[in-house]
Amino acid sequence: MAPVSTRNRPAIVDPLRIGELMRAIAGYHGDVSTKFALKLLPLTFVRPDELRLAEWSEFNLKAASWRIPAARSEDARAAPYAAQPSMIEDRGHAARGSSARH
């Protein structure tokens, strides 16, 4: 049997470091799309590519749910989230227009 290859992924598990990360994101002054993505990632716990390739049609802002299709994930799944990401997305959608991609 072939050995299973694993890949460690960096993670911040110390609450103080998470606070530092969130403050750094809040102070980011670059591209608007990048700032929205940086704010959404720690609130939705999705993979960066899942967020990068997201389309507005996958989001249900009223239900606070994001349906990620199987083509971009290991399997089709929903990524529920709290109201805070909904407010971020509303602003992002307004800033970027109603185009299909973020």
PDB file of N, CA and C in Angstrom:
ATOM      1  N   MET A   1       0.837  -1.171   0.000  1.00  0.00           N
ATOM      2  CA  MET A   1       0.000   0.000   0.000  1.00  0.00           C
ATOM      3  C   MET A   1       0.890   1.244   0.000  1.00  0.00           C
ATOM      4  N   ALA A   2       0.571   2.180  -0.851  1.00  0.00           N
ATOM      5  CA  ALA A   2       1.343   3.417  -0.957  1.00  0.00           C
ATOM      6  C   ALA A   2       1.075   4.305   0.250  1.00  0.00           C
ATOM      7  N   PRO A   3       2.103   4.994   0.740  1.00  0.00           N
ATOM      8  CA  PRO A   3       1.888   5.899   1.877  1.00  0.00           C
ATOM      9  C   PRO A   3       1.017   7.084   1.471  1.00  0.00           C
ATOM     10  N   VAL A   4       0.241   7.542   2.415  1.00  0.00           N
ATOM     11  CA  VAL A   4      -0.617   8.699   2.193  1.00  0.00           C
ATOM     12  C   VAL A   4       0.229   9.951   2.357  1.00  0.00           C
ATOM     13  N   SER A   5       0.202  10.789   1.360  1.00  0.00           N
ATOM     14  CA  SER A   5       0.959  12.036   1.486  1.00  0.00           C
ATOM     15  C   SER A   5       0.058  13.100   2.095  1.00  0.00           C
ATOM     16  N   THR A   6       0.574  13.767   3.082  1.00  0.00           N
ATOM     17  CA  THR A   6      -0.174  14.844   3.727  1.00  0.00           C
ATOM     18  C   THR A   6       0.580  16.141   3.527  1.00  0.00           C
ATOM     19  N   ARG A   7      -0.164  17.204   3.567  1.00  0.00           N
ATOM     20  CA  ARG A   7       0.429  18.525   3.414  1.00  0.00           C
ATOM     21  C   ARG A   7      -0.076  19.395   4.547  1.00  0.00           C
ATOM     22  N   ASN A   8       0.842  19.854   5.378  1.00  0.00           N
ATOM     23  CA  ASN A   8       0.448  20.738   6.463  1.00  0.00           C
ATOM     24  C   ASN A   8       0.115  22.109   5.906  1.00  0.00           C
ATOM     25  N   ARG A   9      -0.938  22.668   6.407  1.00  0.00           N
ATOM     26  CA  ARG A   9      -1.347  24.004   5.988  1.00  0.00           C
ATOM     27  C   ARG A   9      -1.180  24.946   7.172  1.00  0.00           C
ATOM     28  N   PRO A  10      -0.587  26.110   6.931  1.00  0.00           N
ATOM     29  CA  PRO A  10      -0.375  27.031   8.044  1.00  0.00           C
ATOM     30  C   PRO A  10      -1.702  27.467   8.659  1.00  0.00           C
ATOM     31  N   ALA A  11      -1.693  27.610   9.964  1.00  0.00           N
ATOM     32  CA  ALA A  11      -2.907  28.028  10.664  1.00  0.00           C
ATOM     33  C   ALA A  11      -2.520  28.877  11.871  1.00  0.00           C
ATOM     34  N   ILE A  12      -3.371  29.820  12.176  1.00  0.00           N
ATOM     35  CA  ILE A  12      -3.202  30.612  13.390  1.00  0.00           C
ATOM     36  C   ILE A  12      -4.194  30.064  14.405  1.00  0.00           C
ATOM     37  N   VAL A  13      -3.684  29.563  15.510  1.00  0.00           N
ATOM     38  CA  VAL A  13      -4.571  28.985  16.525  1.00  0.00           C
ATOM     39  C   VAL A  13      -4.546  29.763  17.831  1.00  0.00           C
ATOM     40  N   ASP A  14      -3.617  30.676  17.971  1.00  0.00           N
ATOM     41  CA  ASP A  14      -3.526  31.499  19.167  1.00  0.00           C
ATOM     42  C   ASP A  14      -4.488  32.688  19.034  1.00  0.00           C
ATOM     43  N   PRO A  15      -5.431  32.849  19.976  1.00  0.00           N
ATOM     44  CA  PRO A  15      -6.408  33.947  19.880  1.00  0.00           C
ATOM     45  C   PRO A  15      -5.766  35.330  19.752  1.00  0.00           C
ATOM     46  N   LEU A  16      -4.635  35.554  20.398  1.00  0.00           N
ATOM     47  CA  LEU A  16      -3.979  36.858  20.280  1.00  0.00           C
ATOM     48  C   LEU A  16      -3.483  37.096  18.859  1.00  0.00           C
ATOM     49  N   ARG A  17      -2.956  36.070  18.229  1.00  0.00           N
ATOM     50  CA  ARG A  17      -2.486  36.193  16.850  1.00  0.00           C
ATOM     51  C   ARG A  17      -3.656  36.395  15.889  1.00  0.00           C
ATOM     52  N   ILE A  18      -4.801  35.774  16.187  1.00  0.00           N
ATOM     53  CA  ILE A  18      -5.985  35.965  15.342  1.00  0.00           C
ATOM     54  C   ILE A  18      -6.418  37.422  15.410  1.00  0.00           C
ATOM     55  N   GLY A  19      -6.377  37.993  16.614  1.00  0.00           N
ATOM     56  CA  GLY A  19      -6.690  39.415  16.772  1.00  0.00           C
ATOM     57  C   GLY A  19      -5.749  40.286  15.965  1.00  0.00           C
ATOM     58  N   GLU A  20      -4.461  39.958  15.985  1.00  0.00           N
ATOM     59  CA  GLU A  20      -3.481  40.701  15.188  1.00  0.00           C
ATOM     60  C   GLU A  20      -3.818  40.621  13.700  1.00  0.00           C
ATOM     61  N   LEU A  21      -4.176  39.420  13.249  1.00  0.00           N
ATOM     62  CA  LEU A  21      -4.536  39.241  11.843  1.00  0.00           C
ATOM     63  C   LEU A  21      -5.753  40.088  11.475  1.00  0.00           C
ATOM     64  N   MET A  22      -6.780  40.053  12.305  1.00  0.00           N
ATOM     65  CA  MET A  22      -7.999  40.806  12.005  1.00  0.00           C
ATOM     66  C   MET A  22      -7.730  42.313  11.986  1.00  0.00           C
ATOM     67  N   ARG A  23      -6.874  42.791  12.891  1.00  0.00           N
ATOM     68  CA  ARG A  23      -6.516  44.220  12.883  1.00  0.00           C
ATOM     69  C   ARG A  23      -5.722  44.563  11.626  1.00  0.00           C
ATOM     70  N   ALA A  24      -4.837  43.669  11.206  1.00  0.00           N
ATOM     71  CA  ALA A  24      -4.064  43.916   9.981  1.00  0.00           C
ATOM     72  C   ALA A  24      -4.987  43.968   8.766  1.00  0.00           C
ATOM     73  N   ILE A  25      -5.986  43.079   8.728  1.00  0.00           N
ATOM     74  CA  ILE A  25      -6.954  43.088   7.624  1.00  0.00           C
ATOM     75  C   ILE A  25      -7.741  44.395   7.630  1.00  0.00           C
ATOM     76  N   ALA A  26      -8.163  44.839   8.808  1.00  0.00           N
ATOM     77  CA  ALA A  26      -8.938  46.080   8.919  1.00  0.00           C
ATOM     78  C   ALA A  26      -8.119  47.281   8.437  1.00  0.00           C
ATOM     79  N   GLY A  27      -6.803  47.222   8.620  1.00  0.00           N
ATOM     80  CA  GLY A  27      -5.952  48.326   8.210  1.00  0.00           C
ATOM     81  C   GLY A  27      -5.453  48.235   6.782  1.00  0.00           C
ATOM     82  N   TYR A  28      -5.851  47.201   6.052  1.00  0.00           N
ATOM     83  CA  TYR A  28      -5.397  47.027   4.669  1.00  0.00           C
ATOM     84  C   TYR A  28      -6.011  48.113   3.783  1.00  0.00           C
ATOM     85  N   HIS A  29      -5.183  48.764   2.978  1.00  0.00           N
ATOM     86  CA  HIS A  29      -5.659  49.854   2.123  1.00  0.00           C
ATOM     87  C   HIS A  29      -5.447  49.583   0.641  1.00  0.00           C
ATOM     88  N   GLY A  30      -5.354  48.312   0.269  1.00  0.00           N
ATOM     89  CA  GLY A  30      -5.146  47.964  -1.136  1.00  0.00           C
ATOM     90  C   GLY A  30      -6.452  47.827  -1.889  1.00  0.00           C
ATOM     91  N   ASP A  31      -6.462  46.932  -2.849  1.00  0.00           N
ATOM     92  CA  ASP A  31      -7.614  46.701  -3.713  1.00  0.00           C
ATOM     93  C   ASP A  31      -8.869  46.330  -2.910  1.00  0.00           C
ATOM     94  N   VAL A  32     -10.001  46.903  -3.283  1.00  0.00           N
ATOM     95  CA  VAL A  32     -11.267  46.673  -2.586  1.00  0.00           C
ATOM     96  C   VAL A  32     -11.649  45.190  -2.596  1.00  0.00           C
ATOM     97  N   SER A  33     -11.501  44.529  -3.737  1.00  0.00           N
ATOM     98  CA  SER A  33     -11.839  43.106  -3.826  1.00  0.00           C
ATOM     99  C   SER A  33     -10.984  42.277  -2.885  1.00  0.00           C
ATOM    100  N   THR A  34      -9.712  42.612  -2.804  1.00  0.00           N
ATOM    101  CA  THR A  34      -8.809  41.888  -1.914  1.00  0.00           C
ATOM    102  C   THR A  34      -9.223  42.085  -0.468  1.00  0.00           C
ATOM    103  N   LYS A  35      -9.605  43.307  -0.108  1.00  0.00           N
ATOM    104  CA  LYS A  35     -10.018  43.565   1.273  1.00  0.00           C
ATOM    105  C   LYS A  35     -11.283  42.785   1.620  1.00  0.00           C
ATOM    106  N   PHE A  36     -12.249  42.719   0.697  1.00  0.00           N
ATOM    107  CA  PHE A  36     -13.466  41.931   0.946  1.00  0.00           C
ATOM    108  C   PHE A  36     -13.120  40.462   1.136  1.00  0.00           C
ATOM    109  N   ALA A  37     -12.226  39.953   0.295  1.00  0.00           N
ATOM    110  CA  ALA A  37     -11.822  38.549   0.402  1.00  0.00           C
ATOM    111  C   ALA A  37     -11.124  38.294   1.734  1.00  0.00           C
ATOM    112  N   LEU A  38     -10.234  39.185   2.127  1.00  0.00           N
ATOM    113  CA  LEU A  38      -9.534  39.021   3.396  1.00  0.00           C
ATOM    114  C   LEU A  38     -10.495  39.037   4.581  1.00  0.00           C
ATOM    115  N   LYS A  39     -11.550  39.837   4.489  1.00  0.00           N
ATOM    116  CA  LYS A  39     -12.538  39.884   5.570  1.00  0.00           C
ATOM    117  C   LYS A  39     -13.419  38.636   5.587  1.00  0.00           C
ATOM    118  N   LEU A  40     -13.726  38.114   4.413  1.00  0.00           N
ATOM    119  CA  LEU A  40     -14.611  36.945   4.337  1.00  0.00           C
ATOM    120  C   LEU A  40     -13.931  35.633   4.720  1.00  0.00           C
ATOM    121  N   LEU A  41     -12.678  35.471   4.369  1.00  0.00           N
ATOM    122  CA  LEU A  41     -11.999  34.197   4.618  1.00  0.00           C
ATOM    123  C   LEU A  41     -12.078  33.732   6.073  1.00  0.00           C
ATOM    124  N   PRO A  42     -11.718  34.570   7.058  1.00  0.00           N
ATOM    125  CA  PRO A  42     -11.778  34.068   8.436  1.00  0.00           C
ATOM    126  C   PRO A  42     -13.204  33.909   8.973  1.00  0.00           C
ATOM    127  N   LEU A  43     -14.184  34.452   8.280  1.00  0.00           N
ATOM    128  CA  LEU A  43     -15.575  34.323   8.738  1.00  0.00           C
ATOM    129  C   LEU A  43     -16.292  33.127   8.109  1.00  0.00           C
ATOM    130  N   THR A  44     -15.787  32.647   6.993  1.00  0.00           N
ATOM    131  CA  THR A  44     -16.450  31.535   6.296  1.00  0.00           C
ATOM    132  C   THR A  44     -15.651  30.242   6.347  1.00  0.00           C
ATOM    133  N   PHE A  45     -14.371  30.308   6.656  1.00  0.00           N
ATOM    134  CA  PHE A  45     -13.496  29.133   6.756  1.00  0.00           C
ATOM    135  C   PHE A  45     -13.471  28.312   5.468  1.00  0.00           C
ATOM    136  N   VAL A  46     -13.470  28.984   4.328  1.00  0.00           N
ATOM    137  CA  VAL A  46     -13.356  28.281   3.053  1.00  0.00           C
ATOM    138  C   VAL A  46     -11.910  28.371   2.572  1.00  0.00           C
ATOM    139  N   ARG A  47     -11.594  27.586   1.586  1.00  0.00           N
ATOM    140  CA  ARG A  47     -10.255  27.634   0.989  1.00  0.00           C
ATOM    141  C   ARG A  47     -10.139  28.898   0.124  1.00  0.00           C
ATOM    142  N   PRO A  48      -8.935  29.471   0.060  1.00  0.00           N
ATOM    143  CA  PRO A  48      -8.770  30.699  -0.731  1.00  0.00           C
ATOM    144  C   PRO A  48      -9.253  30.562  -2.176  1.00  0.00           C
ATOM    145  N   ASP A  49      -8.984  29.426  -2.839  1.00  0.00           N
ATOM    146  CA  ASP A  49      -9.443  29.265  -4.221  1.00  0.00           C
ATOM    147  C   ASP A  49     -10.961  29.217  -4.315  1.00  0.00           C
ATOM    148  N   GLU A  50     -11.624  28.656  -3.305  1.00  0.00           N
ATOM    149  CA  GLU A  50     -13.086  28.631  -3.326  1.00  0.00           C
ATOM    150  C   GLU A  50     -13.634  30.054  -3.301  1.00  0.00           C
ATOM    151  N   LEU A  51     -13.017  30.902  -2.505  1.00  0.00           N
ATOM    152  CA  LEU A  51     -13.458  32.296  -2.440  1.00  0.00           C
ATOM    153  C   LEU A  51     -13.053  33.056  -3.702  1.00  0.00           C
ATOM    154  N   ARG A  52     -11.845  32.841  -4.166  1.00  0.00           N
ATOM    155  CA  ARG A  52     -11.347  33.555  -5.344  1.00  0.00           C
ATOM    156  C   ARG A  52     -12.197  33.289  -6.577  1.00  0.00           C
ATOM    157  N   LEU A  53     -12.717  32.079  -6.693  1.00  0.00           N
ATOM    158  CA  LEU A  53     -13.518  31.706  -7.862  1.00  0.00           C
ATOM    159  C   LEU A  53     -15.022  31.828  -7.634  1.00  0.00           C
ATOM    160  N   ALA A  54     -15.422  32.366  -6.492  1.00  0.00           N
ATOM    161  CA  ALA A  54     -16.846  32.495  -6.181  1.00  0.00           C
ATOM    162  C   ALA A  54     -17.565  33.395  -7.174  1.00  0.00           C
ATOM    163  N   GLU A  55     -18.821  33.109  -7.377  1.00  0.00           N
ATOM    164  CA  GLU A  55     -19.677  33.925  -8.231  1.00  0.00           C
ATOM    165  C   GLU A  55     -20.858  34.415  -7.396  1.00  0.00           C
ATOM    166  N   TRP A  56     -21.334  35.610  -7.701  1.00  0.00           N
ATOM    167  CA  TRP A  56     -22.436  36.188  -6.928  1.00  0.00           C
ATOM    168  C   TRP A  56     -23.657  35.274  -6.931  1.00  0.00           C
ATOM    169  N   SER A  57     -23.877  34.542  -8.009  1.00  0.00           N
ATOM    170  CA  SER A  57     -25.058  33.675  -8.094  1.00  0.00           C
ATOM    171  C   SER A  57     -25.029  32.554  -7.061  1.00  0.00           C
ATOM    172  N   GLU A  58     -23.869  32.271  -6.472  1.00  0.00           N
ATOM    173  CA  GLU A  58     -23.759  31.214  -5.460  1.00  0.00           C
ATOM    174  C   GLU A  58     -24.191  31.683  -4.080  1.00  0.00           C
ATOM    175  N   PHE A  59     -24.292  32.992  -3.891  1.00  0.00           N
ATOM    176  CA  PHE A  59     -24.630  33.550  -2.580  1.00  0.00           C
ATOM    177  C   PHE A  59     -26.120  33.804  -2.455  1.00  0.00           C
ATOM    178  N   ASN A  60     -26.673  33.427  -1.311  1.00  0.00           N
ATOM    179  CA  ASN A  60     -28.042  33.756  -0.960  1.00  0.00           C
ATOM    180  C   ASN A  60     -27.940  34.660   0.263  1.00  0.00           C
ATOM    181  N   LEU A  61     -27.956  35.966   0.040  1.00  0.00           N
ATOM    182  CA  LEU A  61     -27.745  36.911   1.129  1.00  0.00           C
ATOM    183  C   LEU A  61     -28.862  36.876   2.161  1.00  0.00           C
ATOM    184  N   LYS A  62     -30.093  36.618   1.720  1.00  0.00           N
ATOM    185  CA  LYS A  62     -31.207  36.549   2.673  1.00  0.00           C
ATOM    186  C   LYS A  62     -31.078  35.359   3.608  1.00  0.00           C
ATOM    187  N   ALA A  63     -30.624  34.226   3.078  1.00  0.00           N
ATOM    188  CA  ALA A  63     -30.467  33.021   3.892  1.00  0.00           C
ATOM    189  C   ALA A  63     -29.076  32.938   4.526  1.00  0.00           C
ATOM    190  N   ALA A  64     -28.221  33.928   4.252  1.00  0.00           N
ATOM    191  CA  ALA A  64     -26.844  33.938   4.754  1.00  0.00           C
ATOM    192  C   ALA A  64     -26.161  32.610   4.458  1.00  0.00           C
ATOM    193  N   SER A  65     -26.217  32.209   3.186  1.00  0.00           N
ATOM    194  CA  SER A  65     -25.645  30.930   2.781  1.00  0.00           C
ATOM    195  C   SER A  65     -24.922  31.088   1.450  1.00  0.00           C
ATOM    196  N   TRP A  66     -23.899  30.296   1.301  1.00  0.00           N
ATOM    197  CA  TRP A  66     -23.103  30.292   0.089  1.00  0.00           C
ATOM    198  C   TRP A  66     -22.997  28.852  -0.379  1.00  0.00           C
ATOM    199  N   ARG A  67     -23.536  28.560  -1.543  1.00  0.00           N
ATOM    200  CA  ARG A  67     -23.502  27.208  -2.110  1.00  0.00           C
ATOM    201  C   ARG A  67     -22.280  27.093  -3.003  1.00  0.00           C
ATOM    202  N   ILE A  68     -21.297  26.312  -2.560  1.00  0.00           N
ATOM    203  CA  ILE A  68     -20.068  26.108  -3.324  1.00  0.00           C
ATOM    204  C   ILE A  68     -20.256  24.854  -4.169  1.00  0.00           C
ATOM    205  N   PRO A  69     -20.188  24.979  -5.491  1.00  0.00           N
ATOM    206  CA  PRO A  69     -20.414  23.813  -6.354  1.00  0.00           C
ATOM    207  C   PRO A  69     -19.286  22.784  -6.252  1.00  0.00           C
ATOM    208  N   ALA A  70     -19.610  21.535  -6.521  1.00  0.00           N
ATOM    209  CA  ALA A  70     -18.641  20.440  -6.435  1.00  0.00           C
ATOM    210  C   ALA A  70     -17.450  20.651  -7.351  1.00  0.00           C
ATOM    211  N   ALA A  71     -17.623  21.370  -8.436  1.00  0.00           N
ATOM    212  CA  ALA A  71     -16.522  21.602  -9.375  1.00  0.00           C
ATOM    213  C   ALA A  71     -15.361  22.348  -8.723  1.00  0.00           C
ATOM    214  N   ARG A  72     -15.623  23.120  -7.668  1.00  0.00           N
ATOM    215  CA  ARG A  72     -14.576  23.883  -6.989  1.00  0.00           C
ATOM    216  C   ARG A  72     -14.278  23.389  -5.590  1.00  0.00           C
ATOM    217  N   SER A  73     -14.940  22.355  -5.167  1.00  0.00           N
ATOM    218  CA  SER A  73     -14.749  21.840  -3.822  1.00  0.00           C
ATOM    219  C   SER A  73     -14.666  20.328  -3.916  1.00  0.00           C
ATOM    220  N   GLU A  74     -14.291  19.688  -2.830  1.00  0.00           N
ATOM    221  CA  GLU A  74     -14.244  18.231  -2.842  1.00  0.00           C
ATOM    222  C   GLU A  74     -15.637  17.656  -3.062  1.00  0.00           C
ATOM    223  N   ASP A  75     -16.636  18.379  -2.645  1.00  0.00           N
ATOM    224  CA  ASP A  75     -18.026  18.017  -2.892  1.00  0.00           C
ATOM    225  C   ASP A  75     -18.867  19.285  -2.776  1.00  0.00           C
ATOM    226  N   ALA A  76     -20.035  19.284  -3.396  1.00  0.00           N
ATOM    227  CA  ALA A  76     -20.898  20.469  -3.301  1.00  0.00           C
ATOM    228  C   ALA A  76     -21.262  20.659  -1.837  1.00  0.00           C
ATOM    229  N   ARG A  77     -21.206  21.887  -1.381  1.00  0.00           N
ATOM    230  CA  ARG A  77     -21.529  22.145   0.021  1.00  0.00           C
ATOM    231  C   ARG A  77     -21.974  23.581   0.207  1.00  0.00           C
ATOM    232  N   ALA A  78     -22.618  23.794   1.314  1.00  0.00           N
ATOM    233  CA  ALA A  78     -23.033  25.138   1.677  1.00  0.00           C
ATOM    234  C   ALA A  78     -22.101  25.644   2.762  1.00  0.00           C
ATOM    235  N   ALA A  79     -21.762  26.903   2.697  1.00  0.00           N
ATOM    236  CA  ALA A  79     -20.943  27.546   3.715  1.00  0.00           C
ATOM    237  C   ALA A  79     -21.809  28.604   4.385  1.00  0.00           C
ATOM    238  N   PRO A  80     -22.511  28.232   5.469  1.00  0.00           N
ATOM    239  CA  PRO A  80     -23.338  29.230   6.159  1.00  0.00           C
ATOM    240  C   PRO A  80     -22.452  30.251   6.860  1.00  0.00           C
ATOM    241  N   TYR A  81     -22.992  31.416   7.083  1.00  0.00           N
ATOM    242  CA  TYR A  81     -22.237  32.444   7.770  1.00  0.00           C
ATOM    243  C   TYR A  81     -23.191  33.373   8.503  1.00  0.00           C
ATOM    244  N   ALA A  82     -22.628  34.187   9.372  1.00  0.00           N
ATOM    245  CA  ALA A  82     -23.415  35.123  10.173  1.00  0.00           C
ATOM    246  C   ALA A  82     -23.739  36.369   9.357  1.00  0.00           C
ATOM    247  N   ALA A  83     -24.432  37.301   9.980  1.00  0.00           N
ATOM    248  CA  ALA A  83     -24.856  38.518   9.286  1.00  0.00           C
ATOM    249  C   ALA A  83     -23.682  39.389   8.863  1.00  0.00           C
ATOM    250  N   GLN A  84     -22.574  39.353   9.593  1.00  0.00           N
ATOM    251  CA  GLN A  84     -21.443  40.216   9.264  1.00  0.00           C
ATOM    252  C   GLN A  84     -20.939  39.997   7.838  1.00  0.00           C
ATOM    253  N   PRO A  85     -20.729  38.745   7.386  1.00  0.00           N
ATOM    254  CA  PRO A  85     -20.330  38.586   5.988  1.00  0.00           C
ATOM    255  C   PRO A  85     -21.381  39.090   5.010  1.00  0.00           C
ATOM    256  N   SER A  86     -22.659  38.993   5.366  1.00  0.00           N
ATOM    257  CA  SER A  86     -23.704  39.504   4.476  1.00  0.00           C
ATOM    258  C   SER A  86     -23.529  40.994   4.257  1.00  0.00           C
ATOM    259  N   MET A  87     -23.200  41.725   5.320  1.00  0.00           N
ATOM    260  CA  MET A  87     -22.992  43.162   5.180  1.00  0.00           C
ATOM    261  C   MET A  87     -21.764  43.430   4.327  1.00  0.00           C
ATOM    262  N   ILE A  88     -20.707  42.644   4.513  1.00  0.00           N
ATOM    263  CA  ILE A  88     -19.494  42.808   3.713  1.00  0.00           C
ATOM    264  C   ILE A  88     -19.817  42.553   2.251  1.00  0.00           C
ATOM    265  N   GLU A  89     -20.560  41.476   1.975  1.00  0.00           N
ATOM    266  CA  GLU A  89     -20.889  41.131   0.597  1.00  0.00           C
ATOM    267  C   GLU A  89     -21.798  42.168  -0.042  1.00  0.00           C
ATOM    268  N   ASP A  90     -22.775  42.679   0.712  1.00  0.00           N
ATOM    269  CA  ASP A  90     -23.647  43.720   0.167  1.00  0.00           C
ATOM    270  C   ASP A  90     -22.813  44.898  -0.317  1.00  0.00           C
ATOM    271  N   ARG A  91     -21.845  45.317   0.486  1.00  0.00           N
ATOM    272  CA  ARG A  91     -20.980  46.433   0.111  1.00  0.00           C
ATOM    273  C   ARG A  91     -20.116  46.062  -1.088  1.00  0.00           C
ATOM    274  N   GLY A  92     -19.599  44.834  -1.081  1.00  0.00           N
ATOM    275  CA  GLY A  92     -18.754  44.391  -2.183  1.00  0.00           C
ATOM    276  C   GLY A  92     -19.526  44.293  -3.475  1.00  0.00           C
ATOM    277  N   HIS A  93     -20.745  43.794  -3.396  1.00  0.00           N
ATOM    278  CA  HIS A  93     -21.589  43.661  -4.578  1.00  0.00           C
ATOM    279  C   HIS A  93     -21.894  45.043  -5.137  1.00  0.00           C
ATOM    280  N   ALA A  94     -22.186  45.982  -4.247  1.00  0.00           N
ATOM    281  CA  ALA A  94     -22.488  47.343  -4.689  1.00  0.00           C
ATOM    282  C   ALA A  94     -21.243  47.993  -5.301  1.00  0.00           C
ATOM    283  N   ALA A  95     -20.074  47.746  -4.694  1.00  0.00           N
ATOM    284  CA  ALA A  95     -18.843  48.361  -5.182  1.00  0.00           C
ATOM    285  C   ALA A  95     -18.415  47.794  -6.523  1.00  0.00           C
ATOM    286  N   ARG A  96     -18.638  46.486  -6.738  1.00  0.00           N
ATOM    287  CA  ARG A  96     -18.174  45.832  -7.959  1.00  0.00           C
ATOM    288  C   ARG A  96     -19.249  45.712  -9.017  1.00  0.00           C
ATOM    289  N   GLY A  97     -20.468  46.071  -8.693  1.00  0.00           N
ATOM    290  CA  GLY A  97     -21.564  45.912  -9.652  1.00  0.00           C
ATOM    291  C   GLY A  97     -22.108  44.498  -9.586  1.00  0.00           C
ATOM    292  N   SER A  98     -23.049  44.177 -10.424  1.00  0.00           N
ATOM    293  CA  SER A  98     -23.706  42.874 -10.335  1.00  0.00           C
ATOM    294  C   SER A  98     -23.094  41.872 -11.312  1.00  0.00           C
ATOM    295  N   SER A  99     -21.802  42.018 -11.626  1.00  0.00           N
ATOM    296  CA  SER A  99     -21.157  41.063 -12.521  1.00  0.00           C
ATOM    297  C   SER A  99     -21.116  39.690 -11.865  1.00  0.00           C
ATOM    298  N   ALA A 100     -20.972  38.662 -12.660  1.00  0.00           N
ATOM    299  CA  ALA A 100     -21.047  37.288 -12.179  1.00  0.00           C
ATOM    300  C   ALA A 100     -19.912  36.933 -11.221  1.00  0.00           C
ATOM    301  N   ARG A 101     -18.735  37.429 -11.441  1.00  0.00           N
ATOM    302  CA  ARG A 101     -17.598  37.081 -10.596  1.00  0.00           C
ATOM    303  C   ARG A 101     -17.264  38.244  -9.649  1.00  0.00           C
ATOM    304  N   HIS A 102     -16.617  37.903  -8.517  1.00  0.00           N
ATOM    305  CA  HIS A 102     -16.167  38.911  -7.549  1.00  0.00           C
ATOM    306  C   HIS A 102     -15.076  39.733  -8.147  1.00  0.00           C
TER     307      HIS A 102
END
